[in-house]
Amino acid sequence: MVLDATGEPVRASLFRRLAQVLSRTERAEFWARRAFSEVVPTLVSSGISAVPCFVASPQLGLGPAVDLRVVHRSLTDVARRGGGTLALEWHTSSPAATGRAGAFIALHAALELLARGGCPLVLVGAFDSCVDPATLRALSDANRLLGRRNPDGLLPGEGAAFVVLTRAHQGSSVPALGHVTNCALAREPHPRGLGGPYVAAGLTDILRELRQERRDRVDVVISAQTGEGCYGRGFSYAYLRNTALMPEPLCVSTLGASLGDAGAGAGAMALVVAVAGLQAGPVPGRPPRHRSALVYGESDDGAVGGCIIETVAQGRRR
């Protein structure tokens, strides 16, 4: 149990079947292994001998670092147990590929590699946990957590997600679940209002770039952000500057409101939520089906990324 400055237990969205004493690396490794195991059959059945992997790393700063060597070894073991001789080729997409925007930075690098040709499939993913005791204490000491001292704070979470990418019309035996039509990256000059006013300049730039390549609105916006007020205000600024891209009426889903802040895992999880919405049918209790989704995320260091995902029938580029 971790207590905040007022002596109350901190709030977090965590998987209770995992021992609460596990480290951040151990929890992140659990989620990475669990998510990766779901894409291994697709990779093995494709017949490829090696797959380039672009993985977003957890944000450096608050809390201990995740030992990526441990996670890489674990995922290599999952690939080996999945059959075949699949080799994982780890790529570093960018030094800034950390935190919530990391999945989009990894996605951007993966799309560039696919465009150059030479590989039929690319793996993009992210994993993190912000609910281990050390990270919770660090977030509490920085007054970032939701509580009496900070009613505008975040709710820590954890998770991982992986997606397999290929070029449109590549001829894969696996049916496509969605098309990434474009992806954009930017930087926020004053992240979270540090060093100057937070006016969402980075998110504005991304939306403007994505809007220039579309003629119609997206059906839904899916945010990888926390529930902290600065990000809500920032989205409002960016929305008003790019209303031609936005759904009408406005429809926004924020992962942090339901799953907590999964750190670096949030960006990849938002991508999967978007793809799931493309597949959802008119089933009671499920979210309504959409044809296109704008997905974005911003890291604490100011890295911002976003993309648009469409149904296969609508997809135009990748």
Protein backbone atom coordinates (compact mmCIF):
# COMPACT_ATOMS: atom_id res chain seq x y z
CA MET A 1 0.00 0.00 0.00
CA VAL A 2 1.31 3.43 -0.98
CA LEU A 3 0.01 6.49 0.86
CA ASP A 4 -0.13 10.03 -0.51
CA ALA A 5 0.86 13.17 1.38
CA THR A 6 -2.50 13.28 3.14
CA GLY A 7 -2.11 9.73 4.45
CA GLU A 8 -4.71 8.24 2.10
CA PRO A 9 -4.02 5.21 -0.13
CA VAL A 10 -3.26 6.30 -3.68
CA ARG A 11 -5.74 5.39 -6.41
CA ALA A 12 -4.67 3.28 -9.38
CA SER A 13 -6.13 1.04 -12.07
CA LEU A 14 -4.15 -2.20 -11.73
CA PHE A 15 -4.46 -5.91 -12.43
CA ARG A 16 -5.02 -7.33 -8.97
CA ARG A 17 -3.94 -10.86 -9.89
CA LEU A 18 -0.35 -9.62 -10.08
CA ALA A 19 1.45 -9.25 -6.76
CA GLN A 20 1.58 -5.58 -5.81
CA VAL A 21 5.25 -5.89 -4.80
CA LEU A 22 6.33 -6.60 -8.39
CA SER A 23 8.66 -4.05 -9.96
CA ARG A 24 7.79 -1.84 -12.92
CA THR A 25 9.91 -4.02 -15.20
CA GLU A 26 8.19 -7.20 -14.00
CA ARG A 27 4.71 -5.76 -14.50
CA ALA A 28 5.56 -4.26 -17.91
CA GLU A 29 7.11 -7.57 -18.98
CA PHE A 30 3.92 -9.42 -18.00
CA TRP A 31 1.76 -7.15 -20.16
CA ALA A 32 4.20 -7.12 -23.07
CA ARG A 33 4.40 -10.91 -23.08
CA ARG A 34 0.62 -11.26 -22.86
CA ALA A 35 -0.06 -8.84 -25.74
CA PHE A 36 2.76 -10.09 -27.95
CA SER A 37 1.59 -13.71 -27.67
CA GLU A 38 -1.61 -12.72 -29.50
CA VAL A 39 0.26 -11.60 -32.64
CA VAL A 40 2.80 -14.45 -32.75
CA PRO A 41 0.45 -16.83 -34.65
CA THR A 42 0.00 -14.18 -37.35
CA LEU A 43 3.74 -13.66 -37.67
CA VAL A 44 4.55 -17.37 -37.71
CA SER A 45 1.82 -18.23 -40.23
CA SER A 46 3.15 -15.57 -42.62
CA GLY A 47 6.25 -17.68 -43.15
CA ILE A 48 8.72 -14.82 -42.59
CA SER A 49 12.00 -15.61 -40.87
CA ALA A 50 12.49 -12.21 -39.18
CA VAL A 51 10.28 -9.23 -38.35
CA PRO A 52 11.43 -5.66 -37.66
CA CYS A 53 10.10 -4.49 -34.27
CA PHE A 54 9.49 -0.84 -33.38
CA VAL A 55 8.60 -0.65 -29.71
CA ALA A 56 7.88 2.48 -27.69
CA SER A 57 9.80 2.60 -24.43
CA PRO A 58 8.37 3.88 -21.13
CA GLN A 59 8.88 7.54 -20.26
CA LEU A 60 12.08 8.35 -18.41
CA GLY A 61 11.67 10.59 -15.39
CA LEU A 62 9.12 9.76 -12.73
CA GLY A 63 9.59 6.26 -11.37
CA PRO A 64 12.23 3.63 -12.15
CA ALA A 65 13.21 2.80 -15.71
CA VAL A 66 11.97 -0.40 -17.34
CA ASP A 67 14.80 -2.80 -18.18
CA LEU A 68 14.18 -3.27 -21.90
CA ARG A 69 16.65 -6.14 -22.07
CA VAL A 70 14.38 -8.17 -19.80
CA VAL A 71 11.34 -7.45 -21.95
CA HIS A 72 13.18 -8.18 -25.21
CA ARG A 73 14.42 -11.53 -23.90
CA SER A 74 10.92 -12.41 -22.75
CA LEU A 75 9.35 -11.60 -26.11
CA THR A 76 12.06 -13.55 -27.91
CA ASP A 77 11.12 -16.51 -25.72
CA VAL A 78 7.44 -16.10 -26.64
CA ALA A 79 8.37 -16.07 -30.34
CA ARG A 80 10.42 -19.24 -29.90
CA ARG A 81 7.62 -21.03 -28.07
CA GLY A 82 5.19 -20.01 -30.82
CA GLY A 83 6.88 -22.37 -33.24
CA GLY A 84 9.04 -21.78 -36.26
CA THR A 85 12.31 -19.85 -36.25
CA LEU A 86 10.97 -16.30 -36.13
CA ALA A 87 13.65 -13.75 -35.24
CA LEU A 88 12.83 -10.34 -33.75
CA GLU A 89 14.86 -7.42 -35.09
CA TRP A 90 14.71 -4.56 -32.57
CA HIS A 91 14.76 -1.08 -34.10
CA THR A 92 15.15 2.22 -32.28
CA SER A 93 12.66 4.60 -33.86
CA SER A 94 13.86 7.74 -32.05
CA PRO A 95 15.39 8.87 -28.74
CA ALA A 96 12.09 10.66 -28.16
CA ALA A 97 10.08 7.43 -28.53
CA THR A 98 9.02 7.48 -24.91
CA GLY A 99 5.72 7.80 -23.14
CA ARG A 100 2.27 8.11 -24.66
CA ALA A 101 3.50 9.50 -27.99
CA GLY A 102 6.05 6.71 -28.37
CA ALA A 103 3.71 4.34 -30.21
CA PHE A 104 3.09 6.97 -32.89
CA ILE A 105 6.80 7.67 -33.27
CA ALA A 106 7.33 3.92 -33.64
CA LEU A 107 4.42 3.74 -36.10
CA HIS A 108 5.86 6.57 -38.19
CA ALA A 109 9.25 4.83 -38.41
CA ALA A 110 7.60 1.51 -39.24
CA LEU A 111 5.56 3.04 -42.06
CA GLU A 112 8.72 4.58 -43.52
CA LEU A 113 10.42 1.19 -43.47
CA LEU A 114 7.45 -0.44 -45.19
CA ALA A 115 7.43 2.29 -47.82
CA ARG A 116 11.07 1.55 -48.68
CA GLY A 117 10.18 -2.09 -49.28
CA GLY A 118 12.28 -5.10 -48.40
CA CYS A 119 10.10 -6.43 -45.57
CA PRO A 120 6.52 -7.71 -45.83
CA LEU A 121 5.56 -7.24 -42.17
CA VAL A 122 6.53 -4.87 -39.35
CA LEU A 123 5.61 -5.06 -35.68
CA VAL A 124 4.71 -1.95 -33.65
CA GLY A 125 3.97 -2.02 -29.95
CA ALA A 126 4.36 -0.49 -26.53
CA PHE A 127 4.16 -1.56 -22.90
CA ASP A 128 4.37 0.06 -19.49
CA SER A 129 3.13 -0.03 -15.92
CA CYS A 130 2.70 2.98 -13.67
CA VAL A 131 1.26 1.12 -10.69
CA ASP A 132 4.31 -0.51 -9.11
CA PRO A 133 5.10 0.86 -5.61
CA ALA A 134 8.17 2.86 -6.68
CA THR A 135 6.40 4.60 -9.57
CA LEU A 136 3.34 5.33 -7.44
CA ARG A 137 5.53 6.93 -4.78
CA ALA A 138 7.35 9.02 -7.40
CA LEU A 139 4.06 10.22 -8.91
CA SER A 140 2.71 10.97 -5.44
CA ASP A 141 5.82 12.95 -4.47
CA ALA A 142 5.40 15.00 -7.67
CA ASN A 143 1.70 15.58 -6.83
CA ARG A 144 0.59 14.08 -10.14
CA LEU A 145 -1.94 11.64 -8.69
CA LEU A 146 -5.68 12.13 -8.36
CA GLY A 147 -6.51 12.89 -4.73
CA ARG A 148 -7.44 15.57 -2.21
CA ARG A 149 -4.22 17.48 -2.89
CA ASN A 150 -4.78 17.32 -6.64
CA PRO A 151 -8.37 16.89 -7.86
CA ASP A 152 -7.01 17.38 -11.39
CA GLY A 153 -4.50 14.51 -11.07
CA LEU A 154 -4.11 11.33 -13.07
CA LEU A 155 -5.09 7.74 -12.31
CA PRO A 156 -2.13 5.41 -12.99
CA GLY A 157 -2.69 2.26 -15.03
CA GLU A 158 -0.79 -0.35 -17.00
CA GLY A 159 -0.99 -2.36 -20.18
CA ALA A 160 0.51 -3.21 -23.56
CA ALA A 161 -0.53 -3.65 -27.18
CA PHE A 162 1.04 -4.79 -30.44
CA VAL A 163 -0.09 -4.42 -34.04
CA VAL A 164 1.23 -6.05 -37.21
CA LEU A 165 1.61 -3.75 -40.22
CA THR A 166 1.94 -4.51 -43.92
CA ARG A 167 1.59 -2.53 -47.10
CA ALA A 168 -1.86 -2.24 -48.63
CA HIS A 169 -2.35 -4.89 -51.32
CA GLN A 170 0.70 -6.76 -50.05
CA GLY A 171 -1.17 -10.02 -50.50
CA SER A 172 -1.10 -11.21 -46.88
CA SER A 173 -3.07 -14.32 -45.98
CA VAL A 174 -4.36 -12.50 -42.88
CA PRO A 175 -7.31 -10.15 -43.50
CA ALA A 176 -6.59 -6.49 -42.74
CA LEU A 177 -8.45 -5.00 -39.79
CA GLY A 178 -7.87 -1.35 -40.74
CA HIS A 179 -5.76 1.05 -42.79
CA VAL A 180 -3.41 3.69 -41.40
CA THR A 181 -3.87 6.44 -43.96
CA ASN A 182 -1.35 8.90 -42.50
CA CYS A 183 0.73 9.56 -39.40
CA ALA A 184 2.17 12.84 -38.10
CA LEU A 185 4.67 13.88 -35.41
CA ALA A 186 5.38 17.19 -33.66
CA ARG A 187 6.69 18.65 -30.42
CA GLU A 188 4.97 20.79 -27.82
CA PRO A 189 7.28 23.71 -26.85
CA HIS A 190 5.89 23.96 -23.31
CA PRO A 191 4.64 20.51 -22.26
CA ARG A 192 2.11 20.66 -19.43
CA GLY A 193 2.73 24.42 -19.21
CA LEU A 194 6.35 24.08 -18.07
CA GLY A 195 8.45 27.06 -19.11
CA GLY A 196 5.58 28.87 -20.78
CA PRO A 197 1.88 28.75 -21.64
CA TYR A 198 0.47 25.43 -22.80
CA VAL A 199 -1.41 26.21 -26.00
CA ALA A 200 -1.25 22.75 -27.66
CA ALA A 201 0.92 23.98 -30.51
CA GLY A 202 2.23 20.46 -31.13
CA LEU A 203 -1.22 18.86 -31.30
CA THR A 204 -2.43 21.73 -33.49
CA ASP A 205 0.40 21.05 -35.96
CA ILE A 206 -0.45 17.35 -36.09
CA LEU A 207 -4.15 17.91 -36.69
CA ARG A 208 -3.38 20.48 -39.37
CA GLU A 209 -1.09 18.02 -41.18
CA LEU A 210 -3.62 15.21 -40.97
CA ARG A 211 -6.43 17.52 -42.12
CA GLN A 212 -4.53 18.53 -45.25
CA GLU A 213 -4.64 14.96 -46.53
CA ARG A 214 -8.40 14.44 -46.00
CA ARG A 215 -11.57 15.71 -47.56
CA ASP A 216 -13.95 14.45 -44.90
CA ARG A 217 -14.25 14.38 -41.12
CA VAL A 218 -13.26 11.49 -38.91
CA ASP A 219 -16.00 9.68 -37.00
CA VAL A 220 -14.34 9.59 -33.59
CA VAL A 221 -11.29 10.89 -31.72
CA ILE A 222 -9.43 8.50 -29.42
CA SER A 223 -6.97 10.07 -27.01
CA ALA A 224 -4.15 8.29 -25.18
CA GLN A 225 -3.99 11.15 -22.67
CA THR A 226 -4.57 11.23 -18.95
CA GLY A 227 -7.57 13.00 -17.45
CA GLU A 228 -5.44 15.96 -16.34
CA GLY A 229 -7.11 19.27 -17.17
CA CYS A 230 -4.22 20.72 -19.16
CA TYR A 231 -4.65 18.06 -21.82
CA GLY A 232 -8.39 18.65 -22.02
CA ARG A 233 -7.85 22.38 -22.49
CA GLY A 234 -5.11 21.68 -25.02
CA PHE A 235 -7.41 19.50 -27.07
CA SER A 236 -10.02 22.27 -27.06
CA TYR A 237 -7.46 24.72 -28.48
CA ALA A 238 -6.35 22.29 -31.19
CA TYR A 239 -9.94 21.32 -31.99
CA LEU A 240 -11.05 24.90 -32.58
CA ARG A 241 -8.15 25.39 -34.99
CA ASN A 242 -9.01 22.24 -36.96
CA THR A 243 -12.78 21.87 -36.83
CA ALA A 244 -12.93 20.68 -40.45
CA LEU A 245 -11.25 17.41 -39.41
CA MET A 246 -13.33 16.75 -36.30
CA PRO A 247 -16.51 14.68 -35.87
CA GLU A 248 -19.81 16.54 -35.89
CA PRO A 249 -21.14 16.22 -33.27
CA LEU A 250 -17.83 15.93 -31.45
CA CYS A 251 -17.09 12.40 -30.21
CA VAL A 252 -13.97 11.91 -28.06
CA SER A 253 -12.88 8.84 -26.10
CA THR A 254 -10.05 9.20 -23.57
CA LEU A 255 -8.32 6.01 -22.46
CA GLY A 256 -7.20 7.53 -19.18
CA ALA A 257 -10.81 7.94 -18.09
CA SER A 258 -11.49 4.20 -18.20
CA LEU A 259 -8.15 2.38 -18.06
CA GLY A 260 -5.98 4.87 -16.22
CA ASP A 261 -2.68 6.24 -17.54
CA ALA A 262 -0.80 3.27 -19.00
CA GLY A 263 2.23 5.42 -19.79
CA ALA A 264 3.99 4.30 -22.96
CA GLY A 265 1.44 1.52 -23.37
CA ALA A 266 -1.39 4.03 -23.77
CA GLY A 267 -0.52 5.03 -27.34
CA ALA A 268 -0.50 1.46 -28.63
CA MET A 269 -3.62 0.61 -26.65
CA ALA A 270 -5.39 3.59 -28.24
CA LEU A 271 -4.47 2.26 -31.69
CA VAL A 272 -6.03 -1.11 -30.84
CA VAL A 273 -9.16 0.55 -29.44
CA ALA A 274 -9.50 2.44 -32.72
CA VAL A 275 -9.14 -0.75 -34.79
CA ALA A 276 -11.64 -2.55 -32.55
CA GLY A 277 -14.15 0.24 -33.23
CA LEU A 278 -13.75 -0.35 -36.95
CA GLN A 279 -14.76 -3.98 -36.43
CA ALA A 280 -17.56 -3.51 -33.89
CA GLY A 281 -21.01 -4.37 -35.13
CA PRO A 282 -24.42 -3.25 -33.83
CA VAL A 283 -24.24 -5.37 -30.68
CA PRO A 284 -25.92 -4.13 -27.47
CA GLY A 285 -23.35 -2.98 -24.94
CA ARG A 286 -20.66 -2.33 -27.53
CA PRO A 287 -19.57 1.11 -28.73
CA PRO A 288 -21.06 2.17 -32.06
CA ARG A 289 -19.18 1.24 -35.19
CA HIS A 290 -17.10 3.93 -36.84
CA ARG A 291 -15.45 4.14 -40.25
CA SER A 292 -12.50 6.33 -39.34
CA ALA A 293 -10.71 7.36 -36.16
CA LEU A 294 -8.20 10.02 -35.23
CA VAL A 295 -5.82 8.66 -32.58
CA TYR A 296 -3.23 10.77 -30.76
CA GLY A 297 -1.01 10.93 -27.70
CA GLU A 298 1.40 13.35 -26.02
CA SER A 299 4.30 12.44 -23.76
CA ASP A 300 5.29 14.39 -20.68
CA ASP A 301 8.44 15.58 -22.49
CA GLY A 302 6.38 17.24 -25.26
CA ALA A 303 6.59 14.60 -27.99
CA VAL A 304 3.24 14.44 -29.81
CA GLY A 305 2.04 11.89 -32.35
CA GLY A 306 -1.17 11.04 -34.11
CA CYS A 307 -2.63 9.09 -37.01
CA ILE A 308 -5.87 8.32 -38.80
CA ILE A 309 -7.13 4.75 -39.11
CA GLU A 310 -9.92 3.80 -41.51
CA THR A 311 -11.87 0.72 -42.47
CA VAL A 312 -10.26 -1.40 -45.14
CA ALA A 313 -12.88 -0.35 -47.69
CA GLN A 314 -12.04 3.33 -47.11
CA GLY A 315 -8.26 3.04 -46.68
CA ARG A 316 -6.32 4.89 -49.35
CA ARG A 317 -2.61 4.63 -48.60
CA ARG A 318 -1.19 2.16 -46.07
